[in-house]
Amino acid sequence: MKNINSSKPNSNLLDVLILIIRLFVGISMLTHALPKLEKLIANDKIEFMNFLGLGSAISLVLVVFAEFLCSVFIIFGFLTRLATIPLMITMLVAFFVVHGADAYAQKELSIVYFFFYFVILILGSGKFSLDWLFSKKEALY
């Protein structure tokens, strides 16, 4: 940081920041995904929101796919931009449908997650990711 007043971002610090955001958001979402994954694995009577008439079981599978698998992809930086899309959709459904009638304080977390995923979608996975590692190998061939 030669000039503290510079408006140009430091690319190394930006890559570290992207890594921190990916790890924070990915691990945080896993805390929401694991109980749903356990519910899915238990295969008891599934009581879950029936989104778009798909049925409770299919809706739960889609949410577990997004919240668990896509979060793991984001943590490792694998197919990162693609992994944000199901998560963004899930957060919008949570905000507008699941918590639609709730007070803003009840649905605020879902929109905060949405904006984190939007930032990751725009910035990509950064240098400290499997995406970067695979793109470097492709460049060698």
C-alpha atoms as a PDB file:
ATOM      1  CA  MET A   1       0.000   0.000   0.000  1.00  0.00           C
ATOM      2  CA  LYS A   2       2.302   2.677  -1.311  1.00  0.00           C
ATOM      3  CA  ASN A   3      -0.399   5.298  -1.429  1.00  0.00           C
ATOM      4  CA  ILE A   4      -3.113   4.872   1.164  1.00  0.00           C
ATOM      5  CA  ASN A   5      -5.337   7.281  -0.757  1.00  0.00           C
ATOM      6  CA  SER A   6      -5.101   5.346  -4.036  1.00  0.00           C
ATOM      7  CA  SER A   7      -8.356   4.227  -5.636  1.00  0.00           C
ATOM      8  CA  LYS A   8      -6.667   1.332  -7.459  1.00  0.00           C
ATOM      9  CA  PRO A   9      -7.153  -1.976  -5.614  1.00  0.00           C
ATOM     10  CA  ASN A  10      -4.159  -4.088  -4.712  1.00  0.00           C
ATOM     11  CA  SER A  11      -4.643  -7.311  -6.716  1.00  0.00           C
ATOM     12  CA  ASN A  12      -3.008  -9.532  -4.063  1.00  0.00           C
ATOM     13  CA  LEU A  13      -5.167  -8.100  -1.297  1.00  0.00           C
ATOM     14  CA  LEU A  14      -8.231  -8.424  -3.512  1.00  0.00           C
ATOM     15  CA  ASP A  15      -7.519 -12.142  -4.002  1.00  0.00           C
ATOM     16  CA  VAL A  16      -7.136 -12.570  -0.232  1.00  0.00           C
ATOM     17  CA  LEU A  17     -10.387 -10.669   0.350  1.00  0.00           C
ATOM     18  CA  ILE A  18     -12.236 -12.859  -2.168  1.00  0.00           C
ATOM     19  CA  LEU A  19     -10.895 -15.964  -0.410  1.00  0.00           C
ATOM     20  CA  ILE A  20     -12.040 -14.651   2.979  1.00  0.00           C
ATOM     21  CA  ILE A  21     -15.513 -13.845   1.614  1.00  0.00           C
ATOM     22  CA  ARG A  22     -15.793 -17.277  -0.035  1.00  0.00           C
ATOM     23  CA  LEU A  23     -14.751 -19.088   3.153  1.00  0.00           C
ATOM     24  CA  PHE A  24     -16.953 -16.984   5.428  1.00  0.00           C
ATOM     25  CA  VAL A  25     -20.086 -17.241   3.282  1.00  0.00           C
ATOM     26  CA  GLY A  26     -19.549 -20.884   2.371  1.00  0.00           C
ATOM     27  CA  ILE A  27     -18.948 -22.075   5.925  1.00  0.00           C
ATOM     28  CA  SER A  28     -21.755 -19.898   7.284  1.00  0.00           C
ATOM     29  CA  MET A  29     -24.236 -21.347   4.797  1.00  0.00           C
ATOM     30  CA  LEU A  30     -23.190 -24.882   5.732  1.00  0.00           C
ATOM     31  CA  THR A  31     -24.617 -24.235   9.208  1.00  0.00           C
ATOM     32  CA  HIS A  32     -28.015 -23.815   7.530  1.00  0.00           C
ATOM     33  CA  ALA A  33     -27.509 -26.676   5.072  1.00  0.00           C
ATOM     34  CA  LEU A  34     -26.461 -29.435   7.474  1.00  0.00           C
ATOM     35  CA  PRO A  35     -29.791 -29.711   9.346  1.00  0.00           C
ATOM     36  CA  LYS A  36     -31.603 -29.886   5.999  1.00  0.00           C
ATOM     37  CA  LEU A  37     -29.172 -32.522   4.740  1.00  0.00           C
ATOM     38  CA  GLU A  38     -29.742 -34.557   7.921  1.00  0.00           C
ATOM     39  CA  LYS A  39     -33.508 -34.259   7.393  1.00  0.00           C
ATOM     40  CA  LEU A  40     -33.091 -35.475   3.804  1.00  0.00           C
ATOM     41  CA  ILE A  41     -30.856 -38.391   4.799  1.00  0.00           C
ATOM     42  CA  ALA A  42     -33.178 -39.433   7.635  1.00  0.00           C
ATOM     43  CA  ASN A  43     -35.884 -39.846   4.968  1.00  0.00           C
ATOM     44  CA  ASP A  44     -38.635 -39.557   7.560  1.00  0.00           C
ATOM     45  CA  LYS A  45     -41.821 -37.794   6.658  1.00  0.00           C
ATOM     46  CA  ILE A  46     -40.447 -34.722   4.925  1.00  0.00           C
ATOM     47  CA  GLU A  47     -42.196 -31.532   5.930  1.00  0.00           C
ATOM     48  CA  PHE A  48     -40.754 -28.758   3.847  1.00  0.00           C
ATOM     49  CA  MET A  49     -41.999 -25.886   1.734  1.00  0.00           C
ATOM     50  CA  ASN A  50     -43.587 -27.073  -1.518  1.00  0.00           C
ATOM     51  CA  PHE A  51     -42.136 -24.564  -3.966  1.00  0.00           C
ATOM     52  CA  LEU A  52     -43.834 -24.285  -7.363  1.00  0.00           C
ATOM     53  CA  GLY A  53     -45.819 -27.449  -6.708  1.00  0.00           C
ATOM     54  CA  LEU A  54     -42.738 -29.655  -7.039  1.00  0.00           C
ATOM     55  CA  GLY A  55     -43.437 -31.431  -3.764  1.00  0.00           C
ATOM     56  CA  SER A  56     -41.771 -31.148  -0.390  1.00  0.00           C
ATOM     57  CA  ALA A  57     -39.123 -33.799  -1.084  1.00  0.00           C
ATOM     58  CA  ILE A  58     -37.975 -32.295  -4.387  1.00  0.00           C
ATOM     59  CA  SER A  59     -37.952 -28.790  -2.909  1.00  0.00           C
ATOM     60  CA  LEU A  60     -35.783 -30.041  -0.033  1.00  0.00           C
ATOM     61  CA  VAL A  61     -33.394 -31.779  -2.456  1.00  0.00           C
ATOM     62  CA  LEU A  62     -33.018 -28.549  -4.451  1.00  0.00           C
ATOM     63  CA  VAL A  63     -32.328 -26.510  -1.315  1.00  0.00           C
ATOM     64  CA  VAL A  64     -29.800 -29.071  -0.035  1.00  0.00           C
ATOM     65  CA  PHE A  65     -28.107 -29.058  -3.457  1.00  0.00           C
ATOM     66  CA  ALA A  66     -27.834 -25.281  -3.358  1.00  0.00           C
ATOM     67  CA  GLU A  67     -27.000 -24.733   0.305  1.00  0.00           C
ATOM     68  CA  PHE A  68     -24.686 -27.721   0.794  1.00  0.00           C
ATOM     69  CA  LEU A  69     -23.065 -28.714  -2.492  1.00  0.00           C
ATOM     70  CA  CYS A  70     -22.834 -25.228  -3.979  1.00  0.00           C
ATOM     71  CA  SER A  71     -21.434 -23.892  -0.680  1.00  0.00           C
ATOM     72  CA  VAL A  72     -18.710 -26.543  -0.751  1.00  0.00           C
ATOM     73  CA  PHE A  73     -17.930 -25.546  -4.340  1.00  0.00           C
ATOM     74  CA  ILE A  74     -17.653 -21.901  -3.274  1.00  0.00           C
ATOM     75  CA  ILE A  75     -15.391 -22.774  -0.332  1.00  0.00           C
ATOM     76  CA  PHE A  76     -12.966 -24.576  -2.649  1.00  0.00           C
ATOM     77  CA  GLY A  77     -13.423 -22.110  -5.485  1.00  0.00           C
ATOM     78  CA  PHE A  78     -14.665 -24.761  -7.900  1.00  0.00           C
ATOM     79  CA  LEU A  79     -17.150 -23.660 -10.590  1.00  0.00           C
ATOM     80  CA  THR A  80     -17.603 -20.682  -8.314  1.00  0.00           C
ATOM     81  CA  ARG A  81     -19.636 -18.349 -10.494  1.00  0.00           C
ATOM     82  CA  LEU A  82     -21.927 -21.186 -11.557  1.00  0.00           C
ATOM     83  CA  ALA A  83     -22.352 -22.292  -7.922  1.00  0.00           C
ATOM     84  CA  THR A  84     -23.593 -18.858  -6.887  1.00  0.00           C
ATOM     85  CA  ILE A  85     -26.647 -19.013  -9.164  1.00  0.00           C
ATOM     86  CA  PRO A  86     -28.626 -21.743  -7.310  1.00  0.00           C
ATOM     87  CA  LEU A  87     -27.708 -20.075  -4.023  1.00  0.00           C
ATOM     88  CA  MET A  88     -28.902 -16.673  -5.226  1.00  0.00           C
ATOM     89  CA  ILE A  89     -32.191 -18.193  -6.379  1.00  0.00           C
ATOM     90  CA  THR A  90     -32.594 -19.991  -3.046  1.00  0.00           C
ATOM     91  CA  MET A  91     -31.984 -16.770  -1.122  1.00  0.00           C
ATOM     92  CA  LEU A  92     -34.505 -14.865  -3.226  1.00  0.00           C
ATOM     93  CA  VAL A  93     -37.104 -17.598  -2.644  1.00  0.00           C
ATOM     94  CA  ALA A  94     -36.330 -17.470   1.084  1.00  0.00           C
ATOM     95  CA  PHE A  95     -36.700 -13.679   1.105  1.00  0.00           C
ATOM     96  CA  PHE A  96     -39.819 -13.281  -1.027  1.00  0.00           C
ATOM     97  CA  VAL A  97     -41.678 -16.584  -0.532  1.00  0.00           C
ATOM     98  CA  VAL A  98     -40.663 -18.375   2.669  1.00  0.00           C
ATOM     99  CA  HIS A  99     -40.307 -15.203   4.748  1.00  0.00           C
ATOM    100  CA  GLY A 100     -42.412 -12.973   2.494  1.00  0.00           C
ATOM    101  CA  ALA A 101     -44.948 -12.089   5.162  1.00  0.00           C
ATOM    102  CA  ASP A 102     -42.354 -11.774   7.933  1.00  0.00           C
ATOM    103  CA  ALA A 103     -40.857  -8.565   9.220  1.00  0.00           C
ATOM    104  CA  TYR A 104     -37.661  -7.419   7.541  1.00  0.00           C
ATOM    105  CA  ALA A 105     -35.589  -8.498  10.541  1.00  0.00           C
ATOM    106  CA  GLN A 106     -36.737 -12.103   9.986  1.00  0.00           C
ATOM    107  CA  LYS A 107     -35.782 -12.173   6.319  1.00  0.00           C
ATOM    108  CA  GLU A 108     -32.762  -9.877   6.363  1.00  0.00           C
ATOM    109  CA  LEU A 109     -30.209 -12.706   6.506  1.00  0.00           C
ATOM    110  CA  SER A 110     -31.380 -14.201   3.219  1.00  0.00           C
ATOM    111  CA  ILE A 111     -30.930 -10.929   1.338  1.00  0.00           C
ATOM    112  CA  VAL A 112     -27.501 -10.381   2.938  1.00  0.00           C
ATOM    113  CA  TYR A 113     -26.460 -13.827   1.695  1.00  0.00           C
ATOM    114  CA  PHE A 114     -27.880 -12.953  -1.737  1.00  0.00           C
ATOM    115  CA  PHE A 115     -25.657  -9.875  -1.985  1.00  0.00           C
ATOM    116  CA  PHE A 116     -22.575 -11.828  -0.865  1.00  0.00           C
ATOM    117  CA  TYR A 117     -23.273 -14.358  -3.628  1.00  0.00           C
ATOM    118  CA  PHE A 118     -23.795 -11.514  -6.092  1.00  0.00           C
ATOM    119  CA  VAL A 119     -20.366 -10.102  -5.162  1.00  0.00           C
ATOM    120  CA  ILE A 120     -18.793 -13.538  -5.651  1.00  0.00           C
ATOM    121  CA  LEU A 121     -20.571 -13.884  -9.003  1.00  0.00           C
ATOM    122  CA  ILE A 122     -19.115 -10.557 -10.168  1.00  0.00           C
ATOM    123  CA  LEU A 123     -15.593 -10.953  -8.718  1.00  0.00           C
ATOM    124  CA  GLY A 124     -15.135 -14.671  -9.398  1.00  0.00           C
ATOM    125  CA  SER A 125     -13.137 -17.050  -7.257  1.00  0.00           C
ATOM    126  CA  GLY A 126      -9.822 -15.226  -7.217  1.00  0.00           C
ATOM    127  CA  LYS A 127      -6.307 -16.603  -7.305  1.00  0.00           C
ATOM    128  CA  PHE A 128      -6.694 -18.897  -4.300  1.00  0.00           C
ATOM    129  CA  SER A 129      -9.153 -21.320  -5.872  1.00  0.00           C
ATOM    130  CA  LEU A 130      -9.468 -24.503  -7.868  1.00  0.00           C
ATOM    131  CA  ASP A 131     -10.904 -22.441 -10.722  1.00  0.00           C
ATOM    132  CA  TRP A 132      -7.674 -20.452 -10.937  1.00  0.00           C
ATOM    133  CA  LEU A 133      -5.562 -23.618 -10.654  1.00  0.00           C
ATOM    134  CA  PHE A 134      -7.468 -25.325 -13.485  1.00  0.00           C
ATOM    135  CA  SER A 135      -7.413 -22.213 -15.668  1.00  0.00           C
ATOM    136  CA  LYS A 136      -3.615 -22.020 -15.286  1.00  0.00           C
ATOM    137  CA  LYS A 137      -3.266 -25.664 -16.366  1.00  0.00           C
ATOM    138  CA  GLU A 138      -5.441 -25.002 -19.437  1.00  0.00           C
ATOM    139  CA  ALA A 139      -3.199 -22.104 -20.373  1.00  0.00           C
ATOM    140  CA  LEU A 140      -0.178 -24.446 -20.439  1.00  0.00           C
ATOM    141  CA  TYR A 141      -1.661 -26.631 -23.179  1.00  0.00           C
END
